[in-house]
Protein backbone atom coordinates (compact mmCIF):
# COMPACT_ATOMS: atom_id res chain seq x y z
CA MET A 1 -191.29 26.67 -28.67
CA ASN A 2 -194.83 26.61 -29.99
CA TRP A 3 -194.44 25.95 -33.74
CA LYS A 4 -197.78 27.58 -34.66
CA ILE A 5 -196.96 30.83 -32.84
CA TRP A 6 -193.52 31.00 -34.50
CA GLN A 7 -195.02 30.32 -37.90
CA LYS A 8 -197.60 33.07 -37.43
CA LYS A 9 -194.96 35.65 -36.45
CA SER A 10 -192.63 34.76 -39.27
CA ALA A 11 -195.33 34.79 -41.95
CA PRO A 12 -194.69 37.48 -44.61
CA LYS A 13 -196.77 40.67 -44.39
CA LYS A 14 -199.56 41.06 -46.85
CA LYS A 15 -198.49 43.25 -49.74
CA LYS A 16 -200.31 46.57 -50.13
CA THR A 17 -202.55 46.99 -53.13
CA LYS A 18 -201.79 49.71 -55.66
CA THR A 19 -204.85 51.62 -54.49
CA ARG A 20 -203.67 51.50 -50.86
CA GLU A 21 -200.19 52.68 -51.90
CA TRP A 22 -201.66 55.65 -53.75
CA VAL A 23 -203.93 56.55 -50.81
CA ASP A 24 -201.01 56.38 -48.37
CA ALA A 25 -198.84 58.51 -50.65
CA ILE A 26 -201.56 61.14 -51.06
CA VAL A 27 -202.27 61.29 -47.32
CA PHE A 28 -198.56 61.65 -46.56
CA ALA A 29 -198.17 64.39 -49.20
CA VAL A 30 -201.17 66.32 -47.85
CA ILE A 31 -199.92 66.12 -44.26
CA ALA A 32 -196.36 67.11 -45.24
CA ALA A 33 -197.55 70.01 -47.41
CA THR A 34 -199.90 71.22 -44.65
CA ILE A 35 -197.10 71.20 -42.08
CA ILE A 36 -194.82 73.15 -44.44
CA ARG A 37 -197.62 75.63 -45.25
CA VAL A 38 -198.62 76.20 -41.62
CA PHE A 39 -195.21 76.28 -39.94
CA PHE A 40 -192.61 77.18 -42.57
CA ILE A 41 -193.53 78.82 -45.88
CA GLU A 42 -196.66 79.54 -47.93
CA ALA A 43 -197.35 80.81 -51.45
CA TYR A 44 -199.32 84.03 -51.91
CA THR A 45 -200.62 85.94 -54.95
CA ILE A 46 -200.86 89.73 -55.36
CA PRO A 47 -204.49 90.43 -56.36
CA SER A 48 -204.51 94.26 -56.45
CA GLY A 49 -202.31 97.25 -57.16
CA SER A 50 -202.18 98.56 -53.59
CA MET A 51 -198.46 97.73 -53.24
CA GLU A 52 -197.20 99.14 -56.55
CA LYS A 53 -194.40 99.74 -57.42
CA SER A 54 -192.82 97.23 -55.05
CA LEU A 55 -195.34 94.45 -55.81
CA LEU A 56 -197.41 94.14 -58.98
CA ILE A 57 -200.67 92.41 -59.81
CA GLY A 58 -199.74 88.90 -60.91
CA ASP A 59 -196.71 88.52 -58.61
CA PHE A 60 -196.51 85.17 -56.83
CA LEU A 61 -194.69 85.31 -53.49
CA PHE A 62 -193.33 83.03 -50.84
CA VAL A 63 -194.27 84.13 -47.32
CA SER A 64 -192.15 82.97 -44.39
CA LYS A 65 -193.87 81.75 -41.23
CA VAL A 66 -190.50 81.30 -39.52
CA ASN A 67 -189.35 84.93 -39.41
CA TYR A 68 -191.97 86.14 -36.91
CA GLY A 69 -192.73 82.67 -35.54
CA ALA A 70 -195.39 80.35 -36.92
CA ARG A 71 -198.88 80.94 -35.57
CA ILE A 72 -200.50 77.79 -34.17
CA PRO A 73 -203.77 77.22 -36.08
CA MET A 74 -206.65 78.82 -34.18
CA THR A 75 -209.24 76.96 -36.25
CA PRO A 76 -207.65 73.49 -36.47
CA VAL A 77 -210.47 71.64 -38.24
CA ALA A 78 -210.32 72.80 -41.86
CA PHE A 79 -210.10 71.43 -45.39
CA PRO A 80 -206.44 71.33 -46.57
CA PHE A 81 -205.25 74.16 -48.85
CA ALA A 82 -208.58 76.05 -48.76
CA HIS A 83 -208.38 79.28 -46.77
CA HIS A 84 -211.97 80.10 -45.82
CA THR A 85 -214.11 79.01 -48.79
CA MET A 86 -214.36 75.70 -50.61
CA PRO A 87 -213.71 75.87 -54.35
CA LEU A 88 -216.71 75.21 -56.60
CA THR A 89 -219.28 74.96 -53.79
CA GLY A 90 -218.50 78.32 -52.15
CA THR A 91 -219.23 76.88 -48.70
CA LYS A 92 -217.08 77.27 -45.57
CA SER A 93 -213.88 75.24 -45.67
CA TYR A 94 -213.56 75.04 -41.89
CA TRP A 95 -215.49 74.09 -38.78
CA ASP A 96 -215.41 76.71 -36.04
CA GLY A 97 -216.80 74.40 -33.38
CA ILE A 98 -213.25 74.04 -32.06
CA GLN A 99 -211.28 77.25 -31.44
CA TRP A 100 -207.80 77.38 -29.91
CA LYS A 101 -206.35 80.42 -28.18
CA TYR A 102 -203.67 82.47 -29.93
CA HIS A 103 -200.15 81.08 -29.60
CA ARG A 104 -197.07 81.66 -31.73
CA LEU A 105 -193.81 79.73 -31.91
CA PRO A 106 -190.55 81.64 -31.32
CA GLY A 107 -189.44 83.52 -34.44
CA LEU A 108 -186.18 84.76 -35.89
CA SER A 109 -187.09 88.43 -35.35
CA GLU A 110 -189.79 90.89 -34.39
CA ILE A 111 -191.72 92.83 -37.04
CA LYS A 112 -189.65 95.85 -38.06
CA ARG A 113 -190.63 99.10 -39.74
CA ASN A 114 -190.81 98.78 -43.54
CA ASP A 115 -191.22 95.00 -43.45
CA VAL A 116 -193.72 93.74 -46.03
CA VAL A 117 -196.19 91.67 -44.02
CA VAL A 118 -199.08 89.32 -44.81
CA PHE A 119 -201.86 89.40 -42.22
CA ASN A 120 -205.56 88.70 -41.74
CA LEU A 121 -207.85 91.63 -42.47
CA PRO A 122 -208.81 93.09 -39.07
CA ILE A 123 -212.31 94.09 -40.16
CA GLY A 124 -212.83 90.74 -41.91
CA ASP A 125 -214.49 89.26 -38.84
CA THR A 126 -217.91 89.73 -40.45
CA VAL A 127 -218.59 89.56 -44.21
CA ALA A 128 -221.53 89.89 -46.58
CA LEU A 129 -220.72 86.86 -48.75
CA GLU A 130 -222.33 88.18 -51.94
CA ASN A 131 -220.60 91.58 -51.67
CA GLN A 132 -217.19 91.32 -49.97
CA GLU A 133 -215.35 94.18 -51.68
CA PRO A 134 -216.66 96.87 -49.32
CA SER A 135 -216.39 95.82 -45.69
CA TYR A 136 -219.50 94.71 -43.83
CA TYR A 137 -219.15 97.78 -41.62
CA ASN A 138 -219.07 100.09 -44.63
CA LEU A 139 -222.24 98.50 -45.94
CA ILE A 140 -223.96 99.13 -42.62
CA ARG A 141 -222.83 102.76 -42.54
CA GLN A 142 -224.13 103.27 -46.07
CA SER A 143 -227.46 101.63 -45.24
CA ASP A 144 -228.42 100.00 -41.94
CA TRP A 145 -228.02 96.69 -40.12
CA LYS A 146 -231.45 95.29 -41.00
CA THR A 147 -231.17 96.10 -44.71
CA VAL A 148 -227.69 94.59 -45.07
CA ASN A 149 -228.58 91.42 -43.15
CA SER A 150 -231.76 90.90 -45.17
CA GLN A 151 -230.06 91.59 -48.52
CA TYR A 152 -226.94 89.45 -48.06
CA THR A 153 -225.81 86.23 -46.42
CA VAL A 154 -223.80 87.50 -43.47
CA SER A 155 -221.11 85.26 -42.01
CA SER A 156 -218.56 85.63 -39.22
CA ARG A 157 -214.98 84.37 -39.57
CA PRO A 158 -212.36 83.37 -36.98
CA VAL A 159 -209.12 85.37 -36.93
CA ASP A 160 -207.06 82.90 -38.98
CA LYS A 161 -209.81 82.49 -41.58
CA ARG A 162 -210.19 86.17 -42.37
CA GLU A 163 -209.00 87.45 -45.74
CA ASN A 164 -205.21 87.49 -46.20
CA ILE A 165 -203.82 90.85 -47.33
CA ILE A 166 -200.34 92.30 -47.74
CA LYS A 167 -199.05 95.76 -46.78
CA ARG A 168 -195.92 97.46 -45.53
CA CYS A 169 -195.46 97.94 -41.78
CA ILE A 170 -195.18 101.69 -41.30
CA GLY A 171 -195.27 101.77 -37.51
CA ILE A 172 -194.59 99.20 -34.79
CA SER A 173 -195.94 98.91 -31.24
CA GLY A 174 -195.42 102.10 -29.24
CA ASP A 175 -194.76 104.32 -32.28
CA VAL A 176 -196.65 107.54 -32.89
CA VAL A 177 -197.70 107.73 -36.54
CA SER A 178 -199.05 110.72 -38.46
CA MET A 179 -199.22 112.02 -42.03
CA ARG A 180 -199.03 115.57 -43.38
CA GLY A 181 -199.17 116.53 -47.02
CA GLY A 182 -198.83 112.90 -48.07
CA VAL A 183 -195.64 112.33 -46.06
CA VAL A 184 -195.70 109.87 -43.14
CA SER A 185 -193.99 110.76 -39.87
CA ILE A 186 -192.96 108.22 -37.24
CA ASN A 187 -192.30 109.56 -33.75
CA GLY A 188 -192.08 113.06 -35.23
CA LYS A 189 -189.55 112.16 -37.94
CA ALA A 190 -190.66 112.45 -41.57
CA GLU A 191 -190.35 109.22 -43.58
CA PRO A 192 -190.64 110.17 -47.28
CA LEU A 193 -191.86 107.47 -49.65
CA LYS A 194 -189.08 105.35 -51.12
CA SER A 195 -188.76 104.30 -54.77
CA THR A 196 -190.76 101.17 -53.95
CA GLY A 197 -193.97 103.18 -53.59
CA GLN A 198 -195.90 105.77 -55.56
CA MET A 199 -197.99 108.89 -55.04
CA PRO A 200 -200.06 111.05 -57.42
CA TYR A 201 -198.20 114.00 -58.97
CA LYS A 202 -199.55 116.98 -60.87
CA ILE A 203 -197.46 117.39 -64.02
CA GLN A 204 -197.53 120.69 -65.91
CA LEU A 205 -196.21 120.68 -69.47
CA SER A 206 -194.71 123.65 -71.29
CA THR A 207 -196.16 122.42 -74.60
CA THR A 208 -198.94 120.13 -75.78
CA ASN A 209 -196.83 118.81 -78.65
CA ILE A 210 -195.37 115.74 -76.94
CA ASN A 211 -195.65 111.98 -77.31
CA LEU A 212 -197.09 110.44 -74.15
CA GLU A 213 -195.04 107.32 -74.89
CA VAL A 214 -192.26 109.14 -73.01
CA PHE A 215 -194.27 108.72 -69.81
CA SER A 216 -194.85 105.05 -70.53
CA GLN A 217 -191.11 104.46 -70.93
CA LEU A 218 -190.53 105.97 -67.49
CA GLY A 219 -193.02 103.58 -65.91
CA PHE A 220 -196.23 105.65 -65.88
CA LYS A 221 -199.51 103.91 -66.69
CA VAL A 222 -200.60 106.36 -69.36
CA GLY A 223 -204.10 104.88 -69.59
CA GLU A 224 -204.65 105.69 -65.90
CA MET A 225 -203.29 109.26 -66.04
CA GLN A 226 -205.86 111.97 -65.46
CA GLN A 227 -205.84 114.96 -67.83
CA LEU A 228 -206.91 118.14 -66.03
CA ASP A 229 -206.59 120.40 -69.07
CA ALA A 230 -204.43 120.75 -72.19
CA ASN A 231 -201.19 121.17 -70.24
CA ASN A 232 -201.81 119.46 -66.91
CA TYR A 233 -201.91 115.76 -66.01
CA VAL A 234 -202.06 113.73 -62.82
CA GLY A 235 -200.18 110.45 -62.71
CA ASN A 236 -198.93 107.98 -60.11
CA ALA A 237 -195.15 107.80 -59.85
CA THR A 238 -192.23 106.95 -57.60
CA PRO A 239 -189.79 109.69 -56.51
CA GLU A 240 -187.22 108.09 -58.82
CA MET A 241 -189.56 108.39 -61.83
CA ILE A 242 -190.23 112.03 -61.01
CA GLN A 243 -186.52 112.86 -60.88
CA LYS A 244 -186.07 111.42 -64.38
CA LEU A 245 -189.18 113.22 -65.64
CA LYS A 246 -187.93 116.63 -64.44
CA ALA A 247 -184.90 116.31 -66.74
CA PHE A 248 -187.10 116.75 -69.86
CA ASP A 249 -187.32 120.28 -71.24
CA PHE A 250 -191.08 120.06 -71.86
CA ILE A 251 -191.78 119.68 -68.12
CA LYS A 252 -192.72 123.04 -66.58
CA SER A 253 -193.40 121.83 -63.03
CA VAL A 254 -194.12 118.69 -61.00
CA GLU A 255 -195.64 118.64 -57.53
CA LEU A 256 -197.39 116.18 -55.22
CA PHE A 257 -201.12 116.10 -55.86
CA VAL A 258 -202.50 115.58 -52.34
CA LYS A 259 -205.50 116.69 -50.34
CA PRO A 260 -205.27 119.75 -48.07
CA PRO A 261 -205.72 119.17 -44.31
CA ALA A 262 -209.14 120.87 -44.37
CA VAL A 263 -210.66 118.10 -46.54
CA ASP A 264 -212.48 115.46 -44.49
CA ASP A 265 -212.69 112.02 -46.16
CA GLY A 266 -215.30 111.04 -43.58
CA ASP A 267 -214.72 107.28 -43.82
CA LEU A 268 -211.33 106.91 -42.16
CA PHE A 269 -210.27 105.38 -38.87
CA PRO A 270 -211.40 106.06 -36.17
CA LEU A 271 -214.69 107.40 -37.63
CA ASP A 272 -214.63 110.16 -35.04
CA PRO A 273 -216.45 113.41 -35.97
CA ASN A 274 -213.87 115.31 -33.91
CA ARG A 275 -211.05 113.99 -36.09
CA LYS A 276 -211.49 115.35 -39.60
CA TRP A 277 -208.77 113.35 -41.36
CA ASN A 278 -208.05 112.33 -44.95
CA VAL A 279 -205.71 109.89 -46.70
CA ASP A 280 -202.90 112.48 -46.86
CA ASN A 281 -203.36 114.11 -43.47
CA PHE A 282 -204.11 112.21 -40.26
CA GLY A 283 -202.93 111.65 -36.72
CA PRO A 284 -201.01 111.66 -34.54
CA VAL A 285 -202.00 108.17 -33.37
CA LYS A 286 -200.10 106.11 -30.80
CA ILE A 287 -199.94 102.42 -31.72
CA PRO A 288 -200.75 100.19 -28.70
CA ALA A 289 -198.00 97.98 -27.28
CA LYS A 290 -198.30 95.00 -24.95
CA GLY A 291 -198.18 96.35 -21.40
CA TRP A 292 -198.95 99.95 -22.38
CA THR A 293 -201.68 101.59 -20.30
CA VAL A 294 -203.98 104.14 -21.92
CA LYS A 295 -206.25 106.56 -20.12
CA ILE A 296 -209.93 105.90 -20.89
CA ASP A 297 -211.85 109.03 -21.91
CA SER A 298 -213.87 110.51 -24.77
CA ASN A 299 -210.67 111.39 -26.67
CA THR A 300 -208.95 108.00 -26.54
CA MET A 301 -211.90 105.62 -26.82
CA PRO A 302 -212.66 106.34 -30.52
CA LEU A 303 -209.08 105.19 -31.24
CA TYR A 304 -208.86 102.16 -28.97
CA TYR A 305 -212.46 100.95 -28.50
CA ARG A 306 -212.27 98.22 -31.18
CA ALA A 307 -208.87 97.00 -29.99
CA ILE A 308 -210.08 96.71 -26.39
CA ARG A 309 -213.45 95.15 -27.22
CA THR A 310 -213.02 93.10 -30.40
CA TYR A 311 -209.34 92.20 -30.58
CA GLU A 312 -208.75 91.67 -26.85
CA GLY A 313 -212.19 90.22 -26.09
CA ASN A 314 -213.54 92.55 -23.42
CA LYS A 315 -217.07 93.71 -22.74
CA VAL A 316 -217.02 97.48 -23.25
CA GLU A 317 -219.94 99.85 -22.75
CA GLN A 318 -220.67 103.42 -21.77
CA LYS A 319 -223.37 104.41 -19.27
CA ASP A 320 -224.15 108.01 -18.38
CA GLY A 321 -220.80 109.13 -19.75
CA ILE A 322 -218.85 106.54 -17.72
CA TRP A 323 -216.92 103.73 -19.43
CA TYR A 324 -217.19 100.16 -18.14
CA ILE A 325 -214.89 97.28 -19.09
CA ASN A 326 -216.17 93.84 -18.07
CA ASP A 327 -218.84 95.54 -15.93
CA LYS A 328 -216.29 97.52 -13.92
CA VAL A 329 -215.73 101.29 -14.07
CA ALA A 330 -212.65 101.85 -16.23
CA THR A 331 -210.39 104.89 -16.11
CA ASN A 332 -207.50 103.15 -17.89
CA TYR A 333 -206.69 99.97 -19.79
CA THR A 334 -203.47 97.93 -20.22
CA PHE A 335 -203.11 96.22 -23.60
CA LYS A 336 -202.44 92.48 -23.82
CA MET A 337 -201.06 92.42 -27.39
CA ASN A 338 -198.75 94.36 -29.68
CA TYR A 339 -200.26 96.22 -32.64
CA TYR A 340 -198.99 97.58 -35.96
CA TRP A 341 -199.83 100.25 -38.54
CA MET A 342 -199.89 98.88 -42.10
CA MET A 343 -200.09 100.89 -45.35
CA GLY A 344 -199.89 100.14 -49.05
CA ASP A 345 -197.01 101.51 -51.15
CA ASN A 346 -199.52 102.80 -53.72
CA ARG A 347 -200.69 105.42 -51.26
CA HIS A 348 -203.76 106.68 -53.15
CA ASN A 349 -204.93 103.22 -54.17
CA SER A 350 -204.77 101.30 -50.92
CA THR A 351 -207.29 100.40 -48.25
CA ASP A 352 -205.14 100.06 -45.14
CA SER A 353 -204.73 101.19 -41.53
CA ARG A 354 -205.97 104.64 -42.51
CA TYR A 355 -209.38 102.97 -42.97
CA TRP A 356 -209.47 100.21 -40.35
CA GLY A 357 -206.79 101.11 -37.81
CA PHE A 358 -204.41 98.84 -35.96
CA VAL A 359 -203.38 95.29 -36.91
CA PRO A 360 -203.17 93.04 -33.80
CA GLU A 361 -200.25 90.64 -33.49
CA ASP A 362 -202.55 87.60 -33.56
CA HIS A 363 -203.59 88.58 -37.11
CA VAL A 364 -200.00 88.45 -38.46
CA VAL A 365 -199.42 85.57 -40.91
CA GLY A 366 -195.81 86.05 -42.00
CA LYS A 367 -193.12 88.03 -43.79
CA ALA A 368 -193.01 88.31 -47.59
CA LEU A 369 -189.65 86.95 -48.80
CA PHE A 370 -189.33 86.87 -52.59
CA ILE A 371 -191.22 86.65 -55.89
CA TRP A 372 -191.01 83.19 -57.47
CA MET A 373 -193.21 83.94 -60.51
CA SER A 374 -194.83 87.00 -62.09
CA PHE A 375 -197.47 87.13 -64.81
CA ASP A 376 -198.47 90.27 -66.73
CA SER A 377 -202.08 89.84 -67.84
CA GLU A 378 -201.70 92.82 -70.20
CA GLY A 379 -198.52 91.55 -71.82
CA SER A 380 -198.33 89.93 -75.25
CA PHE A 381 -198.27 86.13 -75.60
CA PHE A 382 -194.47 85.99 -75.47
CA ASN A 383 -194.23 88.59 -72.70
CA LYS A 384 -196.71 87.20 -70.18
CA ILE A 385 -193.92 86.30 -67.76
CA ARG A 386 -192.01 89.20 -66.18
CA TRP A 387 -188.64 87.47 -66.26
CA ASN A 388 -186.85 90.35 -64.51
CA ARG A 389 -189.02 89.83 -61.39
CA LEU A 390 -188.39 86.11 -60.91
CA PHE A 391 -186.69 85.31 -57.57
CA LYS A 392 -186.57 89.00 -56.74
CA GLY A 393 -186.33 89.75 -53.01
CA ILE A 394 -188.99 91.94 -51.40
CA HIS A 395 -187.77 95.08 -49.66
């Protein structure tokens, strides 16, 4: 045996420096946390009141990627833990030079009606960075393309880097959804709002000599109630709150405060002048399902144009009244993905499918599981944490 070779092999390994140990530990932690976040579970914060009463501003949730199957990253080159924007600098946190096609791992279940789902905003494909609250498309409708693009920095975003939002799945693929008088119907069956959601109610009092603290104790936000006159108020409430309110002798009447069918909101999906819909009265609309074939004509295209062109990546145009898909005359189209209809529980304070239509399956992030922390920004110093909401399941 060659003594020098043996001596070289048996020589002790050089000990890592403290700096190297820390670097290795940090790299391992980042990789492990990224894998958990992408494929298993992710934290999410409720930023608005669109899901009250089920979810409140300041709720911190865990969202499961396993239930519906984890989505393989479509934009794989990105800064860890930053969604689409880098903190401090405000620049993009990803590089879209590499884009992978949509794929999803097998999940535990399909999306079901009434599931609370986190997904990427369908109309978040283009944003005016300095003014992201209204959608880019709303800005264009209010002004014009040239004005908006000269006034703001306009950026496009890949599917998985669009804004994350949370809503309740009202309708699944193949369902027919509609709404009349503020009540949703699925496949012709009315689905009244549960105690997890709220609607505006007109409340008529028999006397003006009452303490509004009574409303606060029932769960009303008194500061947000609208006073119509001395005896009439409008307030958001759940059906459960209304039942308790009716038991008081100073309540003369309570009824839903919704828009009549004749009122046209003018800014709702599908932005079709022949469909004069509002937030309380719309439809019927059939939700596309994978493999479903729709007839292409002037009645269906306002509903399905964006899904066919933008979400499924086809070239769609109309010439002399004839529709062409990928430069071929089209009389029908078969969908490649499943779609969903999502709405907020706070029905009169939610921008949802009534405004931007269907949510494609490739936009789905995961299922909301439970609340792990909840902060009340309006609470006193000792009541900032809503202890009764900690580890509460989401239904």
